[in-house]
């Protein structure tokens, strides 16, 4: 695989992480260094590990995963996005501490949801007999970098437009899930 092809694949795979990180930045409003690092690290790590898993799995699990991978990604994004939408309708006087999507189960769910496509890339590399290690590193680094950019963009939009941007962030996550399903069904 050429360098240009690898970069195109890496940026293509990072688009989900970028869009989700915008949504997270919108939901958080203020993003600390630790939150940004956690999200970028996990998104990059999962984007790097999924091609390796796909490459190792080869044809053994591909027939079982391929028919449902898009539904898994949709469900994970819809759950997190739905929680954000629900939270955006709380009145200020009933405001509870927001859940931080850069921690705990939400972080893992988002990391898996944004990296499922990378599993197929690893499977393809395995079927083509190509090495997965360098491409996995590039894919992970690009995803981590795009996550940082998306968080910053989401944070700026959230600070400019206020709390209701959490609604937009949740809808963005749900929309990404819908896009994944539609892309898979029309491919």
C-alpha atoms as a PDB file:
ATOM      1  CA  UNK A   1       0.000   0.000   0.000  1.00  0.00           C
ATOM      2  CA  UNK A   2       1.444   3.376  -0.988  1.00  0.00           C
ATOM      3  CA  UNK A   3       1.955   6.202   1.494  1.00  0.00           C
ATOM      4  CA  UNK A   4      -0.806   8.275  -0.149  1.00  0.00           C
ATOM      5  CA  UNK A   5      -3.259   5.393  -0.048  1.00  0.00           C
ATOM      6  CA  UNK A   6      -2.417   4.720   3.583  1.00  0.00           C
ATOM      7  CA  UNK A   7      -2.929   8.390   4.510  1.00  0.00           C
ATOM      8  CA  UNK A   8      -6.230   8.485   2.631  1.00  0.00           C
ATOM      9  CA  UNK A   9      -7.400   5.373   4.481  1.00  0.00           C
ATOM     10  CA  UNK A  10      -6.202   6.776   7.828  1.00  0.00           C
ATOM     11  CA  UNK A  11      -8.008  10.095   7.318  1.00  0.00           C
ATOM     12  CA  UNK A  12     -11.130   8.296   6.123  1.00  0.00           C
ATOM     13  CA  UNK A  13     -11.165   6.119   9.221  1.00  0.00           C
ATOM     14  CA  UNK A  14     -10.473   9.142  11.449  1.00  0.00           C
ATOM     15  CA  UNK A  15     -13.547  11.039  10.229  1.00  0.00           C
ATOM     16  CA  UNK A  16     -15.859   9.229  12.655  1.00  0.00           C
ATOM     17  CA  UNK A  17     -13.477   9.962  15.537  1.00  0.00           C
ATOM     18  CA  UNK A  18     -13.270  13.601  14.396  1.00  0.00           C
ATOM     19  CA  UNK A  19     -17.052  13.998  14.235  1.00  0.00           C
ATOM     20  CA  UNK A  20     -17.612  12.258  17.571  1.00  0.00           C
ATOM     21  CA  UNK A  21     -14.940  14.402  19.218  1.00  0.00           C
ATOM     22  CA  UNK A  22     -16.756  17.513  17.982  1.00  0.00           C
ATOM     23  CA  UNK A  23     -19.876  16.174  19.686  1.00  0.00           C
ATOM     24  CA  UNK A  24     -17.956  15.479  22.886  1.00  0.00           C
ATOM     25  CA  UNK A  25     -16.423  18.966  22.797  1.00  0.00           C
ATOM     26  CA  UNK A  26     -19.904  20.428  22.367  1.00  0.00           C
ATOM     27  CA  UNK A  27     -21.234  18.416  25.303  1.00  0.00           C
ATOM     28  CA  UNK A  28     -18.376  19.290  27.635  1.00  0.00           C
ATOM     29  CA  UNK A  29     -18.066  22.978  26.807  1.00  0.00           C
ATOM     30  CA  UNK A  30     -14.801  23.255  28.679  1.00  0.00           C
ATOM     31  CA  UNK A  31     -12.314  20.569  27.774  1.00  0.00           C
ATOM     32  CA  UNK A  32      -9.384  20.001  30.087  1.00  0.00           C
ATOM     33  CA  UNK A  33      -6.029  18.738  28.902  1.00  0.00           C
ATOM     34  CA  UNK A  34      -6.674  15.421  30.671  1.00  0.00           C
ATOM     35  CA  UNK A  35     -10.033  14.952  28.945  1.00  0.00           C
ATOM     36  CA  UNK A  36      -8.520  15.764  25.568  1.00  0.00           C
ATOM     37  CA  UNK A  37      -5.588  13.449  26.134  1.00  0.00           C
ATOM     38  CA  UNK A  38      -7.837  10.597  27.322  1.00  0.00           C
ATOM     39  CA  UNK A  39     -10.135  10.866  24.320  1.00  0.00           C
ATOM     40  CA  UNK A  40      -7.327  11.247  21.765  1.00  0.00           C
ATOM     41  CA  UNK A  41      -5.343   8.414  23.357  1.00  0.00           C
ATOM     42  CA  UNK A  42      -8.268   5.995  23.397  1.00  0.00           C
ATOM     43  CA  UNK A  43      -9.547   6.886  19.925  1.00  0.00           C
ATOM     44  CA  UNK A  44      -6.023   6.570  18.520  1.00  0.00           C
ATOM     45  CA  UNK A  45      -5.347   3.350  20.427  1.00  0.00           C
ATOM     46  CA  UNK A  46      -8.584   1.700  19.345  1.00  0.00           C
ATOM     47  CA  UNK A  47      -8.107   2.863  15.745  1.00  0.00           C
ATOM     48  CA  UNK A  48      -4.628   1.287  15.829  1.00  0.00           C
ATOM     49  CA  UNK A  49      -5.685  -1.950  17.542  1.00  0.00           C
ATOM     50  CA  UNK A  50      -8.734  -2.721  15.416  1.00  0.00           C
ATOM     51  CA  UNK A  51      -6.761  -3.241  12.168  1.00  0.00           C
ATOM     52  CA  UNK A  52      -4.434  -5.550  14.072  1.00  0.00           C
ATOM     53  CA  UNK A  53      -7.413  -7.524  15.402  1.00  0.00           C
ATOM     54  CA  UNK A  54      -8.923  -7.690  11.919  1.00  0.00           C
ATOM     55  CA  UNK A  55      -5.615  -8.786  10.463  1.00  0.00           C
ATOM     56  CA  UNK A  56      -5.243 -11.519  13.096  1.00  0.00           C
ATOM     57  CA  UNK A  57      -8.832 -12.681  12.805  1.00  0.00           C
ATOM     58  CA  UNK A  58      -8.640 -13.074   9.050  1.00  0.00           C
ATOM     59  CA  UNK A  59     -11.551 -14.955   7.596  1.00  0.00           C
ATOM     60  CA  UNK A  60     -12.459 -16.774  10.802  1.00  0.00           C
ATOM     61  CA  UNK A  61     -14.806 -14.155  12.251  1.00  0.00           C
ATOM     62  CA  UNK A  62     -15.353 -11.878   9.250  1.00  0.00           C
ATOM     63  CA  UNK A  63     -18.478 -13.716   8.038  1.00  0.00           C
ATOM     64  CA  UNK A  64     -20.117 -13.221  11.458  1.00  0.00           C
ATOM     65  CA  UNK A  65     -19.029  -9.619  12.084  1.00  0.00           C
ATOM     66  CA  UNK A  66     -19.549  -8.117   8.616  1.00  0.00           C
ATOM     67  CA  UNK A  67     -23.363  -8.468   8.551  1.00  0.00           C
ATOM     68  CA  UNK A  68     -23.780  -6.648  11.884  1.00  0.00           C
ATOM     69  CA  UNK A  69     -20.776  -4.343  12.351  1.00  0.00           C
ATOM     70  CA  UNK A  70     -22.726  -1.308  11.150  1.00  0.00           C
ATOM     71  CA  UNK A  71     -25.593  -2.073  13.558  1.00  0.00           C
ATOM     72  CA  UNK A  72     -23.154  -2.396  16.470  1.00  0.00           C
ATOM     73  CA  UNK A  73     -21.598   0.988  15.661  1.00  0.00           C
ATOM     74  CA  UNK A  74     -25.076   2.551  15.268  1.00  0.00           C
ATOM     75  CA  UNK A  75     -26.313   1.170  18.604  1.00  0.00           C
ATOM     76  CA  UNK A  76     -23.261   2.362  20.516  1.00  0.00           C
ATOM     77  CA  UNK A  77     -23.418   5.870  19.027  1.00  0.00           C
ATOM     78  CA  UNK A  78     -27.201   6.088  19.470  1.00  0.00           C
ATOM     79  CA  UNK A  79     -26.960   5.193  23.158  1.00  0.00           C
ATOM     80  CA  UNK A  80     -24.337   7.825  23.932  1.00  0.00           C
ATOM     81  CA  UNK A  81     -25.985  10.412  21.628  1.00  0.00           C
ATOM     82  CA  UNK A  82     -29.417   9.716  23.107  1.00  0.00           C
ATOM     83  CA  UNK A  83     -28.092  10.325  26.608  1.00  0.00           C
ATOM     84  CA  UNK A  84     -26.651  13.650  25.457  1.00  0.00           C
ATOM     85  CA  UNK A  85     -29.949  14.660  23.822  1.00  0.00           C
ATOM     86  CA  UNK A  86     -31.851  13.710  26.962  1.00  0.00           C
ATOM     87  CA  UNK A  87     -29.430  15.683  29.115  1.00  0.00           C
ATOM     88  CA  UNK A  88     -29.836  18.779  26.944  1.00  0.00           C
ATOM     89  CA  UNK A  89     -33.515  19.047  27.925  1.00  0.00           C
ATOM     90  CA  UNK A  90     -32.898  19.187  31.666  1.00  0.00           C
ATOM     91  CA  UNK A  91     -33.829  22.456  33.263  1.00  0.00           C
ATOM     92  CA  UNK A  92     -31.054  24.426  34.922  1.00  0.00           C
ATOM     93  CA  UNK A  93     -32.577  23.903  38.393  1.00  0.00           C
ATOM     94  CA  UNK A  94     -32.530  20.107  37.993  1.00  0.00           C
ATOM     95  CA  UNK A  95     -29.036  20.122  36.551  1.00  0.00           C
ATOM     96  CA  UNK A  96     -26.972  17.247  37.849  1.00  0.00           C
ATOM     97  CA  UNK A  97     -23.285  16.853  37.263  1.00  0.00           C
ATOM     98  CA  UNK A  98     -22.772  15.975  33.602  1.00  0.00           C
ATOM     99  CA  UNK A  99     -21.378  12.619  32.752  1.00  0.00           C
ATOM    100  CA  UNK A 100     -17.965  12.956  31.278  1.00  0.00           C
ATOM    101  CA  UNK A 101     -17.862  11.047  27.958  1.00  0.00           C
ATOM    102  CA  UNK A 102     -14.064  10.904  28.258  1.00  0.00           C
ATOM    103  CA  UNK A 103     -14.306   8.542  31.244  1.00  0.00           C
ATOM    104  CA  UNK A 104     -15.524   5.056  31.987  1.00  0.00           C
ATOM    105  CA  UNK A 105     -17.953   3.073  29.889  1.00  0.00           C
ATOM    106  CA  UNK A 106     -18.828   6.023  27.634  1.00  0.00           C
ATOM    107  CA  UNK A 107     -15.199   6.356  26.595  1.00  0.00           C
ATOM    108  CA  UNK A 108     -14.923   2.665  25.746  1.00  0.00           C
ATOM    109  CA  UNK A 109     -18.254   2.666  23.880  1.00  0.00           C
ATOM    110  CA  UNK A 110     -17.244   5.687  21.798  1.00  0.00           C
ATOM    111  CA  UNK A 111     -13.790   4.231  21.132  1.00  0.00           C
ATOM    112  CA  UNK A 112     -15.237   0.953  19.859  1.00  0.00           C
ATOM    113  CA  UNK A 113     -17.991   2.660  17.847  1.00  0.00           C
ATOM    114  CA  UNK A 114     -15.567   4.941  16.022  1.00  0.00           C
ATOM    115  CA  UNK A 115     -13.064   2.190  15.244  1.00  0.00           C
ATOM    116  CA  UNK A 116     -15.153  -0.721  13.988  1.00  0.00           C
ATOM    117  CA  UNK A 117     -14.444   0.230  10.354  1.00  0.00           C
ATOM    118  CA  UNK A 118     -10.728  -0.171  11.060  1.00  0.00           C
ATOM    119  CA  UNK A 119     -11.363  -3.861  11.758  1.00  0.00           C
ATOM    120  CA  UNK A 120     -12.327  -4.333   8.106  1.00  0.00           C
ATOM    121  CA  UNK A 121      -9.180  -2.523   6.973  1.00  0.00           C
ATOM    122  CA  UNK A 122      -7.061  -4.937   9.001  1.00  0.00           C
ATOM    123  CA  UNK A 123      -8.968  -7.863   7.554  1.00  0.00           C
ATOM    124  CA  UNK A 124      -8.293  -6.541   4.047  1.00  0.00           C
ATOM    125  CA  UNK A 125      -4.588  -6.161   4.791  1.00  0.00           C
ATOM    126  CA  UNK A 126      -4.476  -9.728   6.049  1.00  0.00           C
ATOM    127  CA  UNK A 127      -6.228 -11.065   2.963  1.00  0.00           C
ATOM    128  CA  UNK A 128      -3.807  -9.111   0.752  1.00  0.00           C
ATOM    129  CA  UNK A 129      -0.845 -10.521   2.658  1.00  0.00           C
ATOM    130  CA  UNK A 130       0.412  -7.080   3.699  1.00  0.00           C
ATOM    131  CA  UNK A 131       1.927  -6.138   7.029  1.00  0.00           C
ATOM    132  CA  UNK A 132      -0.429  -4.416   9.454  1.00  0.00           C
ATOM    133  CA  UNK A 133       1.999  -2.846  11.924  1.00  0.00           C
ATOM    134  CA  UNK A 134       2.992   0.345  10.119  1.00  0.00           C
ATOM    135  CA  UNK A 135      -0.516   1.037   8.776  1.00  0.00           C
ATOM    136  CA  UNK A 136      -1.950   0.503  12.283  1.00  0.00           C
ATOM    137  CA  UNK A 137       0.497   3.035  13.704  1.00  0.00           C
ATOM    138  CA  UNK A 138      -0.357   5.638  11.046  1.00  0.00           C
ATOM    139  CA  UNK A 139      -4.104   5.047  11.448  1.00  0.00           C
ATOM    140  CA  UNK A 140      -3.840   5.461  15.232  1.00  0.00           C
ATOM    141  CA  UNK A 141      -1.757   8.635  15.047  1.00  0.00           C
ATOM    142  CA  UNK A 142      -4.059  10.253  12.490  1.00  0.00           C
ATOM    143  CA  UNK A 143      -7.149   9.355  14.555  1.00  0.00           C
ATOM    144  CA  UNK A 144      -5.574  10.780  17.722  1.00  0.00           C
ATOM    145  CA  UNK A 145      -4.648  14.014  15.951  1.00  0.00           C
ATOM    146  CA  UNK A 146      -8.073  14.417  14.358  1.00  0.00           C
ATOM    147  CA  UNK A 147      -9.656  13.817  17.764  1.00  0.00           C
ATOM    148  CA  UNK A 148      -7.720  16.734  19.258  1.00  0.00           C
ATOM    149  CA  UNK A 149      -8.778  19.002  16.377  1.00  0.00           C
ATOM    150  CA  UNK A 150     -12.421  17.910  16.693  1.00  0.00           C
ATOM    151  CA  UNK A 151     -12.474  18.462  20.457  1.00  0.00           C
ATOM    152  CA  UNK A 152     -11.111  21.974  20.050  1.00  0.00           C
ATOM    153  CA  UNK A 153     -13.672  22.779  17.372  1.00  0.00           C
ATOM    154  CA  UNK A 154     -16.517  21.371  19.499  1.00  0.00           C
ATOM    155  CA  UNK A 155     -15.306  23.257  22.573  1.00  0.00           C
ATOM    156  CA  UNK A 156     -15.246  26.557  20.698  1.00  0.00           C
ATOM    157  CA  UNK A 157     -18.725  25.995  19.267  1.00  0.00           C
ATOM    158  CA  UNK A 158     -20.034  24.985  22.713  1.00  0.00           C
ATOM    159  CA  UNK A 159     -18.592  28.083  24.393  1.00  0.00           C
ATOM    160  CA  UNK A 160     -20.019  30.312  21.666  1.00  0.00           C
ATOM    161  CA  UNK A 161     -23.523  28.858  21.534  1.00  0.00           C
ATOM    162  CA  UNK A 162     -24.070  27.583  25.088  1.00  0.00           C
ATOM    163  CA  UNK A 163     -25.601  24.525  26.719  1.00  0.00           C
ATOM    164  CA  UNK A 164     -28.054  23.727  23.923  1.00  0.00           C
ATOM    165  CA  UNK A 165     -25.094  22.634  21.826  1.00  0.00           C
ATOM    166  CA  UNK A 166     -25.242  19.416  23.881  1.00  0.00           C
ATOM    167  CA  UNK A 167     -28.421  18.659  21.914  1.00  0.00           C
ATOM    168  CA  UNK A 168     -26.522  19.237  18.676  1.00  0.00           C
ATOM    169  CA  UNK A 169     -23.665  17.030  19.884  1.00  0.00           C
ATOM    170  CA  UNK A 170     -26.042  14.178  20.696  1.00  0.00           C
ATOM    171  CA  UNK A 171     -27.773  14.517  17.348  1.00  0.00           C
ATOM    172  CA  UNK A 172     -24.378  14.488  15.609  1.00  0.00           C
ATOM    173  CA  UNK A 173     -23.509  11.166  17.278  1.00  0.00           C
ATOM    174  CA  UNK A 174     -26.865   9.653  16.323  1.00  0.00           C
ATOM    175  CA  UNK A 175     -26.454  11.033  12.791  1.00  0.00           C
ATOM    176  CA  UNK A 176     -23.040   9.393  12.465  1.00  0.00           C
ATOM    177  CA  UNK A 177     -24.583   6.088  13.507  1.00  0.00           C
ATOM    178  CA  UNK A 178     -27.351   6.493  10.915  1.00  0.00           C
ATOM    179  CA  UNK A 179     -24.772   7.386   8.246  1.00  0.00           C
ATOM    180  CA  UNK A 180     -22.791   4.249   9.016  1.00  0.00           C
ATOM    181  CA  UNK A 181     -25.902   2.093   8.569  1.00  0.00           C
ATOM    182  CA  UNK A 182     -26.994   3.890   5.386  1.00  0.00           C
ATOM    183  CA  UNK A 183     -23.482   3.678   3.889  1.00  0.00           C
ATOM    184  CA  UNK A 184     -23.361  -0.024   4.624  1.00  0.00           C
ATOM    185  CA  UNK A 185     -26.829  -0.689   3.190  1.00  0.00           C
ATOM    186  CA  UNK A 186     -26.145   1.252  -0.021  1.00  0.00           C
ATOM    187  CA  UNK A 187     -22.630  -0.124  -0.614  1.00  0.00           C
END
